[in-house]
Amino acid sequence: MSSTASVRLRPLERDDLAFVHQMDNNASVMRYWFEEPYEAFVELSDLYDKHIHDQSERRFIIEHEGAKVGLVELVEIDHIHRRAEFQIIIDPAHQGKGYASTAARLAMDYGFSVLNLYKLYLIVDKENPKAIHIYSKLGFNVEGELIDEFFVNGEYRTVLRMCIFQPQYLAKFKTQTGDKTLVK
């Protein structure tokens, strides 16, 4: 496993769109995002322009020693109910090195400590045990099961909705990090 001490998050910039586009066009990655791969670059660029000032989204590039290794997002941010959906993609070339767990912690810390969210939730394919294991280690618990929720590659997929609450996160992780913010 690579050292994850130098993993950091930074805001998504226009210059990062080629990297994101490359991941968006990987069918094995998008299968777990329940999205059709092969989005045109112009579509991604238009989405970026549309959402650049959207206060209901925070998108971060995950970097390790200056190299882009993934993308983590807090989307559907609801400031009234203090919740957001958590999403993460690690470039297949960088999977299995601990970046997902580290980047998730950074994003969770940002969501709970900076945005003062009360709840983070995510949707994960029931047949993705690696992701479920990582999310469980991070403190996410299964909140429900959505049967045949998404149609991917000719079949319906059942997903789990998992969540973690701010007090639960702070009790589990803030004692390990003290008052130090993990976001770089």
Protein backbone atom coordinates (compact mmCIF):
# COMPACT_ATOMS: atom_id res chain seq x y z
CA MET A 1 0.00 0.00 0.00
CA SER A 2 1.26 3.48 -0.83
CA SER A 3 1.61 6.09 1.85
CA THR A 4 -1.63 8.04 2.11
CA ALA A 5 -0.17 10.79 4.32
CA SER A 6 0.24 13.06 1.31
CA VAL A 7 -3.32 12.62 0.01
CA ARG A 8 -5.11 15.93 -0.27
CA LEU A 9 -8.33 17.35 -1.69
CA ARG A 10 -8.57 20.48 -3.77
CA PRO A 11 -11.49 22.05 -5.61
CA LEU A 12 -12.28 20.73 -9.08
CA GLU A 13 -10.98 23.15 -11.73
CA ARG A 14 -11.66 23.38 -15.47
CA ASP A 15 -8.15 21.96 -16.11
CA ASP A 16 -9.24 18.75 -14.34
CA LEU A 17 -12.08 17.98 -16.73
CA ALA A 18 -9.94 15.82 -19.05
CA PHE A 19 -9.06 13.60 -16.06
CA VAL A 20 -12.71 13.39 -14.98
CA HIS A 21 -13.78 12.72 -18.58
CA GLN A 22 -11.33 9.81 -18.78
CA MET A 23 -12.91 8.25 -15.65
CA ASP A 24 -16.44 9.01 -16.88
CA ASN A 25 -15.67 7.07 -20.05
CA ASN A 26 -14.52 3.97 -18.20
CA ALA A 27 -17.43 1.51 -18.27
CA SER A 28 -16.13 -0.40 -15.22
CA VAL A 29 -16.08 2.81 -13.17
CA MET A 30 -19.45 4.14 -14.33
CA ARG A 31 -21.15 0.77 -13.74
CA TYR A 32 -21.01 1.54 -10.03
CA TRP A 33 -22.19 5.11 -10.53
CA PHE A 34 -25.26 3.87 -12.41
CA GLU A 35 -24.53 6.29 -15.21
CA GLU A 36 -24.07 5.72 -18.89
CA PRO A 37 -20.38 5.95 -19.81
CA TYR A 38 -19.06 7.74 -22.86
CA GLU A 39 -20.24 11.24 -22.08
CA ALA A 40 -18.93 13.77 -24.59
CA PHE A 41 -16.33 16.19 -23.26
CA VAL A 42 -18.51 19.15 -24.26
CA GLU A 43 -21.32 17.76 -22.06
CA LEU A 44 -18.97 17.54 -19.09
CA SER A 45 -17.70 21.06 -19.77
CA ASP A 46 -21.27 22.38 -19.97
CA LEU A 47 -22.11 20.70 -16.65
CA TYR A 48 -19.04 22.28 -15.08
CA ASP A 49 -20.08 25.74 -16.32
CA LYS A 50 -23.64 25.21 -15.10
CA HIS A 51 -22.65 24.10 -11.60
CA ILE A 52 -19.47 26.09 -10.89
CA HIS A 53 -21.30 28.45 -8.52
CA ASP A 54 -23.90 25.93 -7.30
CA GLN A 55 -23.93 25.98 -3.50
CA SER A 56 -25.54 22.54 -3.38
CA GLU A 57 -22.37 20.83 -4.66
CA ARG A 58 -18.74 20.52 -3.62
CA ARG A 59 -16.43 18.61 -5.97
CA PHE A 60 -12.81 17.85 -5.14
CA ILE A 61 -9.92 16.30 -7.02
CA ILE A 62 -8.05 13.75 -4.93
CA GLU A 63 -4.28 14.15 -5.26
CA HIS A 64 -1.42 12.00 -4.02
CA GLU A 65 2.03 13.57 -4.27
CA GLY A 66 0.68 15.95 -6.92
CA ALA A 67 -0.86 13.24 -9.11
CA LYS A 68 -4.62 13.13 -9.68
CA VAL A 69 -5.97 9.84 -8.34
CA GLY A 70 -9.71 10.44 -8.10
CA LEU A 71 -12.72 12.62 -7.51
CA VAL A 72 -14.86 13.00 -4.40
CA GLU A 73 -18.13 14.92 -4.28
CA LEU A 74 -20.70 16.17 -1.83
CA VAL A 75 -23.82 16.76 -3.93
CA GLU A 76 -27.48 17.50 -3.29
CA ILE A 77 -26.34 19.58 -0.31
CA ASP A 78 -29.43 20.60 1.62
CA HIS A 79 -28.61 23.43 4.02
CA ILE A 80 -32.01 23.31 5.73
CA HIS A 81 -31.97 19.61 6.54
CA ARG A 82 -28.14 19.61 6.79
CA ARG A 83 -27.52 16.57 4.59
CA ALA A 84 -25.66 15.70 1.39
CA GLU A 85 -24.96 12.75 -0.85
CA PHE A 86 -21.38 11.44 -0.82
CA GLN A 87 -19.79 10.14 -4.04
CA ILE A 88 -16.26 9.01 -4.84
CA ILE A 89 -14.36 7.65 -7.84
CA ILE A 90 -10.78 6.41 -7.66
CA ASP A 91 -9.01 6.05 -11.00
CA PRO A 92 -8.65 2.29 -11.63
CA ALA A 93 -4.87 2.74 -11.97
CA HIS A 94 -4.78 3.95 -8.34
CA GLN A 95 -7.27 1.62 -6.68
CA GLY A 96 -6.25 -0.61 -3.78
CA LYS A 97 -3.76 1.88 -2.33
CA GLY A 98 -5.88 3.33 0.48
CA TYR A 99 -6.73 6.56 -1.32
CA ALA A 100 -10.50 6.01 -1.13
CA SER A 101 -10.53 5.74 2.67
CA THR A 102 -8.23 8.71 3.15
CA ALA A 103 -10.05 10.93 0.65
CA ALA A 104 -13.42 9.92 2.09
CA ARG A 105 -12.27 10.94 5.57
CA LEU A 106 -11.11 14.30 4.23
CA ALA A 107 -14.44 14.90 2.48
CA MET A 108 -16.43 13.72 5.49
CA ASP A 109 -14.44 16.02 7.75
CA TYR A 110 -15.15 18.90 5.39
CA GLY A 111 -18.86 18.07 5.28
CA PHE A 112 -19.27 17.71 9.03
CA SER A 113 -16.75 20.27 10.32
CA VAL A 114 -16.85 23.01 7.67
CA LEU A 115 -20.34 22.75 6.16
CA ASN A 116 -21.80 21.63 9.51
CA LEU A 117 -23.84 18.88 7.85
CA TYR A 118 -25.75 16.53 10.11
CA LYS A 119 -25.99 13.57 7.72
CA LEU A 120 -24.03 12.17 4.79
CA TYR A 121 -25.57 9.39 2.72
CA LEU A 122 -24.53 7.35 -0.28
CA ILE A 123 -25.90 4.82 -2.73
CA VAL A 124 -23.82 1.69 -3.37
CA ASP A 125 -24.41 -1.39 -5.52
CA LYS A 126 -25.26 -4.32 -3.28
CA GLU A 127 -22.83 -6.40 -5.38
CA ASN A 128 -19.86 -4.09 -4.65
CA PRO A 129 -18.43 -5.67 -1.47
CA LYS A 130 -15.16 -3.71 -1.62
CA ALA A 131 -16.97 -0.36 -1.50
CA ILE A 132 -19.41 -1.55 1.17
CA HIS A 133 -16.46 -2.70 3.30
CA ILE A 134 -14.71 0.68 2.96
CA TYR A 135 -17.90 2.62 3.74
CA SER A 136 -18.60 0.43 6.77
CA LYS A 137 -15.06 1.00 8.09
CA LEU A 138 -15.67 4.73 7.72
CA GLY A 139 -18.77 4.47 9.92
CA PHE A 140 -21.53 4.39 7.30
CA ASN A 141 -24.42 2.09 8.21
CA VAL A 142 -27.03 0.55 5.95
CA GLU A 143 -30.14 2.70 6.06
CA GLY A 144 -32.16 0.77 3.51
CA GLU A 145 -32.20 -1.40 0.40
CA LEU A 146 -33.62 -0.20 -2.91
CA ILE A 147 -34.55 -3.21 -5.00
CA ASP A 148 -34.04 -3.03 -8.78
CA GLU A 149 -33.27 0.69 -8.49
CA PHE A 150 -30.97 1.13 -11.51
CA PHE A 151 -30.85 -0.47 -14.95
CA VAL A 152 -27.22 -1.11 -15.98
CA ASN A 153 -25.84 -3.36 -18.73
CA GLY A 154 -29.16 -5.01 -19.41
CA GLU A 155 -30.12 -5.78 -15.82
CA TYR A 156 -31.60 -4.08 -12.79
CA ARG A 157 -29.29 -3.46 -9.84
CA THR A 158 -30.26 -3.47 -6.19
CA VAL A 159 -28.52 -0.83 -4.10
CA LEU A 160 -27.96 -0.02 -0.47
CA ARG A 161 -28.41 3.43 0.95
CA MET A 162 -25.87 3.98 3.69
CA CYS A 163 -25.48 6.96 6.01
CA ILE A 164 -23.47 8.43 8.83
CA PHE A 165 -24.46 11.24 11.19
CA GLN A 166 -22.29 14.10 12.39
CA PRO A 167 -22.24 13.08 16.11
CA GLN A 168 -21.34 9.50 15.15
CA TYR A 169 -18.53 10.70 12.86
CA LEU A 170 -17.13 13.15 15.40
CA ALA A 171 -17.16 10.51 18.15
CA LYS A 172 -15.37 8.01 15.92
CA PHE A 173 -12.80 10.21 14.19
CA LYS A 174 -12.34 13.57 15.93
CA THR A 175 -10.90 11.83 18.97
CA GLN A 176 -8.22 10.39 16.68
CA THR A 177 -7.38 13.69 15.00
CA GLY A 178 -8.07 16.15 17.78
CA ASP A 179 -9.25 19.54 16.60
CA LYS A 180 -7.00 19.40 13.54
CA THR A 181 -8.93 19.73 10.29
CA LEU A 182 -8.06 17.03 7.77
CA VAL A 183 -8.85 19.06 4.64
CA LYS A 184 -5.70 20.51 3.07
